[in-house]
Amino acid sequence: MGKNGFIRYLQKRKLDSKEIASSINAVEAFEQYLKGRKSTLKSATVDTTKQYVSQLIKEGENSEARFVAIARYCYYTKKYDQFIYLVSIFGAADVPREISERIGSVAGEEVRLKVFKGIEYPQLGSPQEDYPEVTKEIIERMETNLPPAKCREILTWNYHKVPASVFRENKMRFEKCNDIDEYLKGEHKRLIDELESCMKKGKPWFEQEITPEVLEFVRNNQEINTGLRRGHIIFKTKIPYAPKQFIKEKDPAMRRYYSCHCQLVRTAIRKGNPKISPTFCYCSAGYEKLHFDVIFNENVEVELLETVLNGDPRCRFAIKIPQRKMKQ
C-alpha cells in the first residue's frame, strides 16, 4: 500500500494518530487477505471484497471502523467500485436500532417492545438481501400498533445523524439572498459545478457515478437534489442512487431499483418481494427536509409525494416553507 500517502490523506481528514494506526492495520490485513488469493487491491473485484467481508463477519471482526478504513483506502486509490460497495453495507445498518429508540421516546417503551420484540438484525456487513424482510416486519408492526400520522412522525427523522453544521454555509448563503428562488437557483448551479468537477476528475459524487448524461439529467431539472419552489412549497426529487444505470434502463422495476438509495429495501424492489409499505420512505423524507430545517431554523413540514415502494419511478417530496421565511 502507499502507506505514507494514505497517512497524509487521513491526516487531511483530521483523524488522530490512534485512528490512523487502526486504519493502516485494517488496510494491511485486507491486503494480506488479497495476497493469499494471489490478488491485489488493483486487480481485486467487488466479489473478492464481498468474500473478505463474509470472512470478517464469521471472525467477529466486522466493525464499522474497519469497513470505513478500507472504504477510505479504496477511495484514495480510486477503486471507486469497491468504495461504493463498502459504503453500501454500513450506510444504513444502524437505522433499525435508531428507529427502535425513537419509537421508545415518542410512543413509549410498551409500543417499542410490541414493534421490536424478537426482531433480529442482520450483522454489520451483511448483504443487502438480508434487510428487506426485517424492514417489512418493522414497518408492518409500526402500522399495526400506531396511527398513520404517528408512524410518519416517527420515521420523519434524521436517522443518519447528519450534523446541522454540514449546512452552515447553506444557511449563510440563504440569508444573503433576496428570496428563496434566488437561493435555490444558486444552489442548483453549485451542484452542477460540483458534479461537473467530479465527472472531469473521474471520481464519484458521494456514491453516484457522474457521466455527461447524468450531468445533463440533473442540469435540466432543478428539483433534483436542490428543489424548485411553487407557491409556498419546495418540490424536491431525489437523485437516483445509480443515475447512470437509471437513465439507460428501460425496465420499470429496474429503474425503481436504480433510483432507490435505501439499503434496507433496495433488493426487494429488484426481486419484486417482499412488498414493503411506502410509509417507510418517510425516513427518506426526514433526510431530505433536514437542509431546510437548518436554513429556516425550524422543523419544517414535509410530504411524501412519490416513492419507488409505491411503484413510482422516483422519490419526490413537498417541503412547506414557513410563512415568515418566504422572503418575498
C-alpha atoms as a PDB file:
ATOM      1  CA  MET A   1       0.000   0.000   0.000  1.00  0.00           C
ATOM      2  CA  GLY A   2       1.081   3.607  -0.492  1.00  0.00           C
ATOM      3  CA  LYS A   3       1.340   3.974   3.260  1.00  0.00           C
ATOM      4  CA  ASN A   4       2.796   7.480   3.557  1.00  0.00           C
ATOM      5  CA  GLY A   5       0.390   8.955   1.031  1.00  0.00           C
ATOM      6  CA  PHE A   6      -2.565   7.311   2.723  1.00  0.00           C
ATOM      7  CA  ILE A   7      -1.428   8.632   6.103  1.00  0.00           C
ATOM      8  CA  ARG A   8      -1.327  12.161   4.686  1.00  0.00           C
ATOM      9  CA  TYR A   9      -4.810  11.610   3.247  1.00  0.00           C
ATOM     10  CA  LEU A  10      -6.120  10.556   6.658  1.00  0.00           C
ATOM     11  CA  GLN A  11      -4.398  13.486   8.346  1.00  0.00           C
ATOM     12  CA  LYS A  12      -6.216  15.853   5.985  1.00  0.00           C
ATOM     13  CA  ARG A  13      -9.444  14.233   7.151  1.00  0.00           C
ATOM     14  CA  LYS A  14      -8.382  15.186  10.698  1.00  0.00           C
ATOM     15  CA  LEU A  15      -8.030  11.633  12.047  1.00  0.00           C
ATOM     16  CA  ASP A  16      -5.899  11.347  15.160  1.00  0.00           C
ATOM     17  CA  SER A  17      -2.817   9.135  15.408  1.00  0.00           C
ATOM     18  CA  LYS A  18      -4.723   6.263  17.024  1.00  0.00           C
ATOM     19  CA  GLU A  19      -7.385   6.277  14.291  1.00  0.00           C
ATOM     20  CA  ILE A  20      -4.707   6.432  11.603  1.00  0.00           C
ATOM     21  CA  ALA A  21      -2.817   3.475  13.078  1.00  0.00           C
ATOM     22  CA  SER A  22      -6.040   1.454  13.274  1.00  0.00           C
ATOM     23  CA  SER A  23      -6.876   2.337   9.654  1.00  0.00           C
ATOM     24  CA  ILE A  24      -3.418   1.257   8.445  1.00  0.00           C
ATOM     25  CA  ASN A  25      -3.775  -2.065  10.282  1.00  0.00           C
ATOM     26  CA  ALA A  26      -7.194  -2.668   8.716  1.00  0.00           C
ATOM     27  CA  VAL A  27      -5.921  -1.995   5.201  1.00  0.00           C
ATOM     28  CA  GLU A  28      -2.793  -4.116   5.688  1.00  0.00           C
ATOM     29  CA  ALA A  29      -4.945  -7.030   6.887  1.00  0.00           C
ATOM     30  CA  PHE A  30      -7.129  -6.651   3.788  1.00  0.00           C
ATOM     31  CA  GLU A  31      -4.104  -6.601   1.507  1.00  0.00           C
ATOM     32  CA  GLN A  32      -2.714  -9.693   3.252  1.00  0.00           C
ATOM     33  CA  TYR A  33      -6.014 -11.461   2.546  1.00  0.00           C
ATOM     34  CA  LEU A  34      -5.789 -10.465  -1.128  1.00  0.00           C
ATOM     35  CA  LYS A  35      -2.173 -11.589  -1.319  1.00  0.00           C
ATOM     36  CA  GLY A  36      -3.218 -15.015  -0.045  1.00  0.00           C
ATOM     37  CA  ARG A  37      -5.537 -15.241  -3.024  1.00  0.00           C
ATOM     38  CA  LYS A  38      -2.827 -14.090  -5.421  1.00  0.00           C
ATOM     39  CA  SER A  39      -4.575 -10.757  -5.876  1.00  0.00           C
ATOM     40  CA  THR A  40      -4.019  -7.078  -5.124  1.00  0.00           C
ATOM     41  CA  LEU A  41      -6.349  -4.181  -4.495  1.00  0.00           C
ATOM     42  CA  LYS A  42      -5.736  -3.061  -8.069  1.00  0.00           C
ATOM     43  CA  SER A  43      -6.874  -6.394  -9.529  1.00  0.00           C
ATOM     44  CA  ALA A  44      -9.474  -7.343  -6.901  1.00  0.00           C
ATOM     45  CA  THR A  45     -13.141  -7.437  -7.842  1.00  0.00           C
ATOM     46  CA  VAL A  46     -16.129  -6.444  -5.732  1.00  0.00           C
ATOM     47  CA  ASP A  47     -16.890 -10.161  -5.349  1.00  0.00           C
ATOM     48  CA  THR A  48     -13.476 -10.671  -3.751  1.00  0.00           C
ATOM     49  CA  THR A  49     -14.203  -7.878  -1.297  1.00  0.00           C
ATOM     50  CA  LYS A  50     -17.597  -9.435  -0.512  1.00  0.00           C
ATOM     51  CA  GLN A  51     -15.822 -12.689   0.337  1.00  0.00           C
ATOM     52  CA  TYR A  52     -13.488 -10.813   2.666  1.00  0.00           C
ATOM     53  CA  VAL A  53     -16.424  -9.100   4.369  1.00  0.00           C
ATOM     54  CA  SER A  54     -18.078 -12.515   4.876  1.00  0.00           C
ATOM     55  CA  GLN A  55     -14.883 -13.776   6.497  1.00  0.00           C
ATOM     56  CA  LEU A  56     -14.786 -10.760   8.821  1.00  0.00           C
ATOM     57  CA  ILE A  57     -18.371 -11.461   9.893  1.00  0.00           C
ATOM     58  CA  LYS A  58     -17.519 -15.085  10.695  1.00  0.00           C
ATOM     59  CA  GLU A  59     -14.472 -13.993  12.688  1.00  0.00           C
ATOM     60  CA  GLY A  60     -16.375 -11.264  14.553  1.00  0.00           C
ATOM     61  CA  GLU A  61     -14.093  -8.597  13.077  1.00  0.00           C
ATOM     62  CA  ASN A  62     -16.830  -6.784  11.133  1.00  0.00           C
ATOM     63  CA  SER A  63     -16.565  -3.408  12.832  1.00  0.00           C
ATOM     64  CA  GLU A  64     -17.702  -0.202  11.174  1.00  0.00           C
ATOM     65  CA  ALA A  65     -14.279   1.331  11.821  1.00  0.00           C
ATOM     66  CA  ARG A  66     -12.650  -1.479   9.806  1.00  0.00           C
ATOM     67  CA  PHE A  67     -15.079  -1.100   6.908  1.00  0.00           C
ATOM     68  CA  VAL A  68     -14.689   2.682   6.897  1.00  0.00           C
ATOM     69  CA  ALA A  69     -10.896   2.392   6.846  1.00  0.00           C
ATOM     70  CA  ILE A  70     -10.925   0.041   3.856  1.00  0.00           C
ATOM     71  CA  ALA A  71     -13.526   2.186   2.084  1.00  0.00           C
ATOM     72  CA  ARG A  72     -11.355   5.261   2.553  1.00  0.00           C
ATOM     73  CA  TYR A  73      -8.351   3.437   1.162  1.00  0.00           C
ATOM     74  CA  CYS A  74     -10.366   2.331  -1.856  1.00  0.00           C
ATOM     75  CA  TYR A  75     -11.424   5.922  -2.446  1.00  0.00           C
ATOM     76  CA  TYR A  76      -7.848   7.130  -2.001  1.00  0.00           C
ATOM     77  CA  THR A  77      -6.597   4.585  -4.557  1.00  0.00           C
ATOM     78  CA  LYS A  78      -9.507   5.345  -6.940  1.00  0.00           C
ATOM     79  CA  LYS A  79     -11.059   1.903  -6.608  1.00  0.00           C
ATOM     80  CA  TYR A  80     -14.448   3.523  -6.663  1.00  0.00           C
ATOM     81  CA  ASP A  81     -16.484   0.370  -7.311  1.00  0.00           C
ATOM     82  CA  GLN A  82     -15.069  -1.122  -4.102  1.00  0.00           C
ATOM     83  CA  PHE A  83     -15.663   2.139  -2.243  1.00  0.00           C
ATOM     84  CA  ILE A  84     -19.328   2.277  -3.281  1.00  0.00           C
ATOM     85  CA  TYR A  85     -19.899  -1.345  -2.267  1.00  0.00           C
ATOM     86  CA  LEU A  86     -18.312  -0.887   1.160  1.00  0.00           C
ATOM     87  CA  VAL A  87     -20.292   2.283   1.871  1.00  0.00           C
ATOM     88  CA  SER A  88     -23.491   0.442   0.929  1.00  0.00           C
ATOM     89  CA  ILE A  89     -23.029  -2.273   3.569  1.00  0.00           C
ATOM     90  CA  PHE A  90     -22.694   0.001   6.576  1.00  0.00           C
ATOM     91  CA  GLY A  91     -24.552   3.135   5.474  1.00  0.00           C
ATOM     92  CA  ALA A  92     -27.954   2.109   6.852  1.00  0.00           C
ATOM     93  CA  ALA A  93     -27.106  -0.704   9.246  1.00  0.00           C
ATOM     94  CA  ASP A  94     -27.881   1.306  12.388  1.00  0.00           C
ATOM     95  CA  VAL A  95     -31.227   2.690  11.167  1.00  0.00           C
ATOM     96  CA  PRO A  96     -33.431  -0.110  12.642  1.00  0.00           C
ATOM     97  CA  ARG A  97     -31.892   0.407  16.082  1.00  0.00           C
ATOM     98  CA  GLU A  98     -32.338   4.160  15.750  1.00  0.00           C
ATOM     99  CA  ILE A  99     -35.997   3.651  14.840  1.00  0.00           C
ATOM    100  CA  SER A 100     -36.402   1.466  17.912  1.00  0.00           C
ATOM    101  CA  GLU A 101     -35.009   4.203  20.146  1.00  0.00           C
ATOM    102  CA  ARG A 102     -37.204   6.868  18.548  1.00  0.00           C
ATOM    103  CA  ILE A 103     -40.365   4.787  18.977  1.00  0.00           C
ATOM    104  CA  GLY A 104     -39.499   4.464  22.647  1.00  0.00           C
ATOM    105  CA  SER A 105     -39.006   8.215  23.079  1.00  0.00           C
ATOM    106  CA  VAL A 106     -42.115   9.229  21.062  1.00  0.00           C
ATOM    107  CA  ALA A 107     -44.615   6.429  21.755  1.00  0.00           C
ATOM    108  CA  GLY A 108     -43.290   4.764  24.883  1.00  0.00           C
ATOM    109  CA  GLU A 109     -41.494   1.573  25.847  1.00  0.00           C
ATOM    110  CA  GLU A 110     -44.591  -0.614  25.610  1.00  0.00           C
ATOM    111  CA  VAL A 111     -45.114   0.226  21.944  1.00  0.00           C
ATOM    112  CA  ARG A 112     -41.399  -0.105  21.225  1.00  0.00           C
ATOM    113  CA  LEU A 113     -41.442  -3.652  22.564  1.00  0.00           C
ATOM    114  CA  LYS A 114     -44.521  -4.535  20.507  1.00  0.00           C
ATOM    115  CA  VAL A 115     -42.713  -3.410  17.377  1.00  0.00           C
ATOM    116  CA  PHE A 116     -39.233  -4.781  18.059  1.00  0.00           C
ATOM    117  CA  LYS A 117     -39.683  -7.823  20.294  1.00  0.00           C
ATOM    118  CA  GLY A 118     -37.982 -10.790  18.614  1.00  0.00           C
ATOM    119  CA  ILE A 119     -36.587  -8.729  15.736  1.00  0.00           C
ATOM    120  CA  GLU A 120     -33.130  -9.984  14.751  1.00  0.00           C
ATOM    121  CA  TYR A 121     -30.914  -7.526  12.911  1.00  0.00           C
ATOM    122  CA  PRO A 122     -28.562  -8.684  10.165  1.00  0.00           C
ATOM    123  CA  GLN A 123     -24.936  -8.431  11.233  1.00  0.00           C
ATOM    124  CA  LEU A 124     -22.967  -5.401  10.101  1.00  0.00           C
ATOM    125  CA  GLY A 125     -21.606  -6.112   6.631  1.00  0.00           C
ATOM    126  CA  SER A 126     -24.417  -8.496   5.715  1.00  0.00           C
ATOM    127  CA  PRO A 127     -25.563  -8.366   2.080  1.00  0.00           C
ATOM    128  CA  GLN A 128     -28.445  -6.056   1.219  1.00  0.00           C
ATOM    129  CA  GLU A 129     -30.664  -9.077   0.551  1.00  0.00           C
ATOM    130  CA  ASP A 130     -30.748  -9.754   4.318  1.00  0.00           C
ATOM    131  CA  TYR A 131     -32.541  -6.498   5.181  1.00  0.00           C
ATOM    132  CA  PRO A 132     -35.929  -6.262   3.376  1.00  0.00           C
ATOM    133  CA  GLU A 133     -37.717  -8.967   5.412  1.00  0.00           C
ATOM    134  CA  VAL A 134     -36.672  -7.290   8.660  1.00  0.00           C
ATOM    135  CA  THR A 135     -37.693  -3.877   7.321  1.00  0.00           C
ATOM    136  CA  LYS A 136     -41.082  -5.243   6.232  1.00  0.00           C
ATOM    137  CA  GLU A 137     -41.716  -6.712   9.679  1.00  0.00           C
ATOM    138  CA  ILE A 138     -40.778  -3.492  11.468  1.00  0.00           C
ATOM    139  CA  ILE A 139     -42.988  -1.214   9.357  1.00  0.00           C
ATOM    140  CA  GLU A 140     -45.948  -3.627   9.487  1.00  0.00           C
ATOM    141  CA  ARG A 141     -45.729  -3.765  13.274  1.00  0.00           C
ATOM    142  CA  MET A 142     -45.485   0.023  13.416  1.00  0.00           C
ATOM    143  CA  GLU A 143     -48.601   0.419  11.280  1.00  0.00           C
ATOM    144  CA  THR A 144     -50.438  -2.136  13.424  1.00  0.00           C
ATOM    145  CA  ASN A 145     -49.583  -0.508  16.740  1.00  0.00           C
ATOM    146  CA  LEU A 146     -49.506   3.191  15.825  1.00  0.00           C
ATOM    147  CA  PRO A 147     -51.817   5.620  13.982  1.00  0.00           C
ATOM    148  CA  PRO A 148     -50.627   6.563  10.461  1.00  0.00           C
ATOM    149  CA  ALA A 149     -49.740  10.121  11.482  1.00  0.00           C
ATOM    150  CA  LYS A 150     -47.630   8.844  14.384  1.00  0.00           C
ATOM    151  CA  CYS A 151     -45.804   6.394  12.089  1.00  0.00           C
ATOM    152  CA  ARG A 152     -44.953   9.266   9.755  1.00  0.00           C
ATOM    153  CA  GLU A 153     -43.839  11.447  12.662  1.00  0.00           C
ATOM    154  CA  ILE A 154     -41.514   8.763  13.995  1.00  0.00           C
ATOM    155  CA  LEU A 155     -39.995   7.940  10.625  1.00  0.00           C
ATOM    156  CA  THR A 156     -39.527  11.568   9.551  1.00  0.00           C
ATOM    157  CA  TRP A 157     -36.247  11.941  11.380  1.00  0.00           C
ATOM    158  CA  ASN A 158     -32.519  12.460  10.905  1.00  0.00           C
ATOM    159  CA  TYR A 159     -31.602   8.776  11.279  1.00  0.00           C
ATOM    160  CA  HIS A 160     -28.191   9.217   9.699  1.00  0.00           C
ATOM    161  CA  LYS A 161     -27.331  11.792  12.383  1.00  0.00           C
ATOM    162  CA  VAL A 162     -26.171  14.404   9.889  1.00  0.00           C
ATOM    163  CA  PRO A 163     -24.964  17.380  11.984  1.00  0.00           C
ATOM    164  CA  ALA A 164     -26.569  20.777  11.393  1.00  0.00           C
ATOM    165  CA  SER A 165     -23.066  22.181  10.890  1.00  0.00           C
ATOM    166  CA  VAL A 166     -22.991  20.491   7.473  1.00  0.00           C
ATOM    167  CA  PHE A 167     -25.467  23.131   6.293  1.00  0.00           C
ATOM    168  CA  ARG A 168     -23.868  26.145   7.987  1.00  0.00           C
ATOM    169  CA  GLU A 169     -22.667  27.666   4.710  1.00  0.00           C
ATOM    170  CA  ASN A 170     -26.045  26.959   3.083  1.00  0.00           C
ATOM    171  CA  LYS A 171     -27.730  28.962   5.830  1.00  0.00           C
ATOM    172  CA  MET A 172     -25.307  31.848   5.339  1.00  0.00           C
ATOM    173  CA  ARG A 173     -25.939  31.882   1.591  1.00  0.00           C
ATOM    174  CA  PHE A 174     -29.700  31.773   2.139  1.00  0.00           C
ATOM    175  CA  GLU A 175     -29.579  34.748   4.487  1.00  0.00           C
ATOM    176  CA  LYS A 176     -27.709  36.775   1.857  1.00  0.00           C
ATOM    177  CA  CYS A 177     -30.259  36.062  -0.896  1.00  0.00           C
ATOM    178  CA  ASN A 178     -33.218  38.279  -1.720  1.00  0.00           C
ATOM    179  CA  ASP A 179     -35.628  35.348  -1.851  1.00  0.00           C
ATOM    180  CA  ILE A 180     -35.901  31.573  -1.869  1.00  0.00           C
ATOM    181  CA  ASP A 181     -35.927  31.338  -5.662  1.00  0.00           C
ATOM    182  CA  GLU A 182     -32.570  33.108  -5.869  1.00  0.00           C
ATOM    183  CA  TYR A 183     -31.162  30.787  -3.216  1.00  0.00           C
ATOM    184  CA  LEU A 184     -32.395  27.580  -4.868  1.00  0.00           C
ATOM    185  CA  LYS A 185     -31.174  28.669  -8.299  1.00  0.00           C
ATOM    186  CA  GLY A 186     -27.743  29.393  -6.841  1.00  0.00           C
ATOM    187  CA  GLU A 187     -27.639  26.044  -5.038  1.00  0.00           C
ATOM    188  CA  HIS A 188     -28.526  24.241  -8.249  1.00  0.00           C
ATOM    189  CA  LYS A 189     -25.668  25.960 -10.060  1.00  0.00           C
ATOM    190  CA  ARG A 190     -23.295  24.998  -7.245  1.00  0.00           C
ATOM    191  CA  LEU A 191     -24.486  21.392  -7.538  1.00  0.00           C
ATOM    192  CA  ILE A 192     -23.931  21.325 -11.300  1.00  0.00           C
ATOM    193  CA  ASP A 193     -20.435  22.778 -10.890  1.00  0.00           C
ATOM    194  CA  GLU A 194     -19.638  20.119  -8.292  1.00  0.00           C
ATOM    195  CA  LEU A 195     -20.977  17.289 -10.445  1.00  0.00           C
ATOM    196  CA  GLU A 196     -19.048  18.561 -13.450  1.00  0.00           C
ATOM    197  CA  SER A 197     -15.851  18.666 -11.391  1.00  0.00           C
ATOM    198  CA  CYS A 198     -16.393  15.063 -10.268  1.00  0.00           C
ATOM    199  CA  MET A 199     -17.062  13.990 -13.840  1.00  0.00           C
ATOM    200  CA  LYS A 200     -13.861  15.597 -15.127  1.00  0.00           C
ATOM    201  CA  LYS A 201     -11.814  14.024 -12.317  1.00  0.00           C
ATOM    202  CA  GLY A 202     -13.442  10.637 -12.850  1.00  0.00           C
ATOM    203  CA  LYS A 203     -14.476  10.322  -9.204  1.00  0.00           C
ATOM    204  CA  PRO A 204     -17.923   9.627  -7.745  1.00  0.00           C
ATOM    205  CA  TRP A 205     -20.145  12.265  -6.209  1.00  0.00           C
ATOM    206  CA  PHE A 206     -20.899  10.516  -2.926  1.00  0.00           C
ATOM    207  CA  GLU A 207     -21.842   7.063  -4.368  1.00  0.00           C
ATOM    208  CA  GLN A 208     -23.007   8.380  -7.744  1.00  0.00           C
ATOM    209  CA  GLU A 209     -21.033   7.947 -10.962  1.00  0.00           C
ATOM    210  CA  ILE A 210     -21.258  11.185 -12.930  1.00  0.00           C
ATOM    211  CA  THR A 211     -21.307  10.922 -16.720  1.00  0.00           C
ATOM    212  CA  PRO A 212     -22.185  13.620 -19.286  1.00  0.00           C
ATOM    213  CA  GLU A 213     -25.691  12.117 -19.457  1.00  0.00           C
ATOM    214  CA  VAL A 214     -26.092  12.272 -15.682  1.00  0.00           C
ATOM    215  CA  LEU A 215     -24.840  15.842 -15.610  1.00  0.00           C
ATOM    216  CA  GLU A 216     -27.422  16.930 -18.195  1.00  0.00           C
ATOM    217  CA  PHE A 217     -30.147  14.935 -16.453  1.00  0.00           C
ATOM    218  CA  VAL A 218     -29.583  16.927 -13.261  1.00  0.00           C
ATOM    219  CA  ARG A 219     -28.910  20.210 -15.047  1.00  0.00           C
ATOM    220  CA  ASN A 220     -32.303  20.049 -16.771  1.00  0.00           C
ATOM    221  CA  ASN A 221     -34.313  19.540 -13.569  1.00  0.00           C
ATOM    222  CA  GLN A 222     -33.704  21.896 -10.636  1.00  0.00           C
ATOM    223  CA  GLU A 223     -35.925  19.723  -8.454  1.00  0.00           C
ATOM    224  CA  ILE A 224     -33.234  17.033  -8.398  1.00  0.00           C
ATOM    225  CA  ASN A 225     -31.307  17.265  -5.141  1.00  0.00           C
ATOM    226  CA  THR A 226     -31.919  21.029  -4.897  1.00  0.00           C
ATOM    227  CA  GLY A 227     -35.595  21.941  -5.082  1.00  0.00           C
ATOM    228  CA  LEU A 228     -37.929  24.196  -7.030  1.00  0.00           C
ATOM    229  CA  ARG A 229     -40.480  26.482  -5.392  1.00  0.00           C
ATOM    230  CA  ARG A 230     -44.094  26.683  -6.473  1.00  0.00           C
ATOM    231  CA  GLY A 231     -46.188  28.849  -4.184  1.00  0.00           C
ATOM    232  CA  HIS A 232     -45.284  28.053  -0.572  1.00  0.00           C
ATOM    233  CA  ILE A 233     -43.958  24.580  -1.435  1.00  0.00           C
ATOM    234  CA  ILE A 234     -40.467  23.436  -2.433  1.00  0.00           C
ATOM    235  CA  PHE A 235     -40.659  20.327  -4.610  1.00  0.00           C
ATOM    236  CA  LYS A 236     -37.592  18.141  -4.353  1.00  0.00           C
ATOM    237  CA  THR A 237     -36.694  14.947  -6.219  1.00  0.00           C
ATOM    238  CA  LYS A 238     -34.008  12.566  -5.023  1.00  0.00           C
ATOM    239  CA  ILE A 239     -31.169  11.944  -7.442  1.00  0.00           C
ATOM    240  CA  PRO A 240     -31.149   8.230  -8.409  1.00  0.00           C
ATOM    241  CA  TYR A 241     -28.741   6.080  -6.418  1.00  0.00           C
ATOM    242  CA  ALA A 242     -27.262   4.785  -9.679  1.00  0.00           C
ATOM    243  CA  PRO A 243     -28.105   7.601 -12.120  1.00  0.00           C
ATOM    244  CA  LYS A 244     -26.003   6.264 -14.997  1.00  0.00           C
ATOM    245  CA  GLN A 245     -27.886   2.955 -14.985  1.00  0.00           C
ATOM    246  CA  PHE A 246     -31.229   4.643 -14.243  1.00  0.00           C
ATOM    247  CA  ILE A 247     -31.025   6.826 -17.344  1.00  0.00           C
ATOM    248  CA  LYS A 248     -30.247   3.884 -19.644  1.00  0.00           C
ATOM    249  CA  GLU A 249     -32.636   1.330 -18.107  1.00  0.00           C
ATOM    250  CA  LYS A 250     -35.983   0.578 -19.798  1.00  0.00           C
ATOM    251  CA  ASP A 251     -37.458  -1.969 -17.405  1.00  0.00           C
ATOM    252  CA  PRO A 252     -39.683  -0.102 -14.856  1.00  0.00           C
ATOM    253  CA  ALA A 253     -38.770  -2.350 -11.908  1.00  0.00           C
ATOM    254  CA  MET A 254     -35.050  -1.995 -12.526  1.00  0.00           C
ATOM    255  CA  ARG A 255     -35.428   1.770 -12.928  1.00  0.00           C
ATOM    256  CA  ARG A 256     -37.012   1.864  -9.481  1.00  0.00           C
ATOM    257  CA  TYR A 257     -34.170  -0.277  -8.158  1.00  0.00           C
ATOM    258  CA  TYR A 258     -31.541   2.059  -9.608  1.00  0.00           C
ATOM    259  CA  SER A 259     -33.467   5.034  -8.233  1.00  0.00           C
ATOM    260  CA  CYS A 260     -33.627   3.787  -4.625  1.00  0.00           C
ATOM    261  CA  HIS A 261     -30.934   4.776  -2.107  1.00  0.00           C
ATOM    262  CA  CYS A 262     -32.168   2.746   0.865  1.00  0.00           C
ATOM    263  CA  GLN A 263     -30.039  -0.320   1.535  1.00  0.00           C
ATOM    264  CA  LEU A 264     -32.825  -1.685   3.748  1.00  0.00           C
ATOM    265  CA  VAL A 265     -35.267  -2.146   0.858  1.00  0.00           C
ATOM    266  CA  ARG A 266     -33.417  -1.916  -2.498  1.00  0.00           C
ATOM    267  CA  THR A 267     -33.209  -5.614  -3.320  1.00  0.00           C
ATOM    268  CA  ALA A 268     -36.924  -6.068  -2.624  1.00  0.00           C
ATOM    269  CA  ILE A 269     -37.601  -3.652  -5.483  1.00  0.00           C
ATOM    270  CA  ARG A 270     -35.385  -5.608  -7.852  1.00  0.00           C
ATOM    271  CA  LYS A 271     -36.777  -9.007  -6.835  1.00  0.00           C
ATOM    272  CA  GLY A 272     -40.393  -7.884  -6.530  1.00  0.00           C
ATOM    273  CA  ASN A 273     -40.694  -9.113  -2.931  1.00  0.00           C
ATOM    274  CA  PRO A 274     -41.260  -8.688  -0.110  1.00  0.00           C
ATOM    275  CA  LYS A 275     -43.766  -5.869  -0.506  1.00  0.00           C
ATOM    276  CA  ILE A 276     -42.815  -3.086   1.895  1.00  0.00           C
ATOM    277  CA  SER A 277     -45.155  -0.271   2.916  1.00  0.00           C
ATOM    278  CA  PRO A 278     -44.258   3.054   1.242  1.00  0.00           C
ATOM    279  CA  THR A 279     -44.745   4.689   4.653  1.00  0.00           C
ATOM    280  CA  PHE A 280     -41.185   3.558   5.358  1.00  0.00           C
ATOM    281  CA  CYS A 281     -39.961   6.198   2.891  1.00  0.00           C
ATOM    282  CA  TYR A 282     -40.820   8.954   5.350  1.00  0.00           C
ATOM    283  CA  CYS A 283     -37.396   8.084   6.715  1.00  0.00           C
ATOM    284  CA  SER A 284     -36.024   9.499   3.462  1.00  0.00           C
ATOM    285  CA  ALA A 285     -38.351  12.497   3.787  1.00  0.00           C
ATOM    286  CA  GLY A 286     -36.720  13.252   7.138  1.00  0.00           C
ATOM    287  CA  TYR A 287     -33.326  13.327   5.455  1.00  0.00           C
ATOM    288  CA  GLU A 288     -34.471  15.456   2.520  1.00  0.00           C
ATOM    289  CA  LYS A 289     -36.007  18.170   4.675  1.00  0.00           C
ATOM    290  CA  LEU A 290     -33.025  18.460   7.030  1.00  0.00           C
ATOM    291  CA  HIS A 291     -31.280  21.069   4.906  1.00  0.00           C
ATOM    292  CA  PHE A 292     -34.387  23.267   5.059  1.00  0.00           C
ATOM    293  CA  ASP A 293     -34.809  22.717   8.799  1.00  0.00           C
ATOM    294  CA  VAL A 294     -31.389  24.311   9.183  1.00  0.00           C
ATOM    295  CA  ILE A 295     -31.688  27.259   6.797  1.00  0.00           C
ATOM    296  CA  PHE A 296     -35.189  28.153   8.048  1.00  0.00           C
ATOM    297  CA  ASN A 297     -34.145  27.456  11.657  1.00  0.00           C
ATOM    298  CA  GLU A 298     -37.257  25.415  12.422  1.00  0.00           C
ATOM    299  CA  ASN A 299     -38.766  21.978  11.922  1.00  0.00           C
ATOM    300  CA  VAL A 300     -40.482  22.181   8.526  1.00  0.00           C
ATOM    301  CA  GLU A 301     -43.365  20.057   7.275  1.00  0.00           C
ATOM    302  CA  VAL A 302     -42.709  17.507   4.523  1.00  0.00           C
ATOM    303  CA  GLU A 303     -44.999  15.305   2.471  1.00  0.00           C
ATOM    304  CA  LEU A 304     -44.009  12.196   0.548  1.00  0.00           C
ATOM    305  CA  LEU A 305     -45.439  12.631  -2.965  1.00  0.00           C
ATOM    306  CA  GLU A 306     -43.870   9.749  -4.885  1.00  0.00           C
ATOM    307  CA  THR A 307     -41.818   6.729  -3.863  1.00  0.00           C
ATOM    308  CA  VAL A 308     -40.406   3.718  -5.639  1.00  0.00           C
ATOM    309  CA  LEU A 309     -42.002   1.489  -2.976  1.00  0.00           C
ATOM    310  CA  ASN A 310     -45.365   2.663  -4.302  1.00  0.00           C
ATOM    311  CA  GLY A 311     -44.479   1.877  -7.902  1.00  0.00           C
ATOM    312  CA  ASP A 312     -43.314   5.389  -8.828  1.00  0.00           C
ATOM    313  CA  PRO A 313     -40.115   5.784 -10.855  1.00  0.00           C
ATOM    314  CA  ARG A 314     -38.632   8.284  -8.390  1.00  0.00           C
ATOM    315  CA  CYS A 315     -38.842   9.608  -4.839  1.00  0.00           C
ATOM    316  CA  ARG A 316     -40.286  13.119  -4.630  1.00  0.00           C
ATOM    317  CA  PHE A 317     -41.125  15.365  -1.702  1.00  0.00           C
ATOM    318  CA  ALA A 318     -43.071  18.543  -0.938  1.00  0.00           C
ATOM    319  CA  ILE A 319     -41.442  20.747   1.697  1.00  0.00           C
ATOM    320  CA  LYS A 320     -43.602  23.505   3.163  1.00  0.00           C
ATOM    321  CA  ILE A 321     -41.924  26.904   3.502  1.00  0.00           C
ATOM    322  CA  PRO A 322     -42.743  28.593   6.814  1.00  0.00           C
ATOM    323  CA  GLN A 323     -44.773  31.734   6.001  1.00  0.00           C
ATOM    324  CA  ARG A 324     -42.362  34.158   7.655  1.00  0.00           C
ATOM    325  CA  LYS A 325     -39.451  32.633   5.724  1.00  0.00           C
ATOM    326  CA  MET A 326     -40.854  33.313   2.248  1.00  0.00           C
ATOM    327  CA  LYS A 327     -38.642  36.427   1.872  1.00  0.00           C
ATOM    328  CA  GLN A 328     -40.850  37.876  -0.806  1.00  0.00           C
END
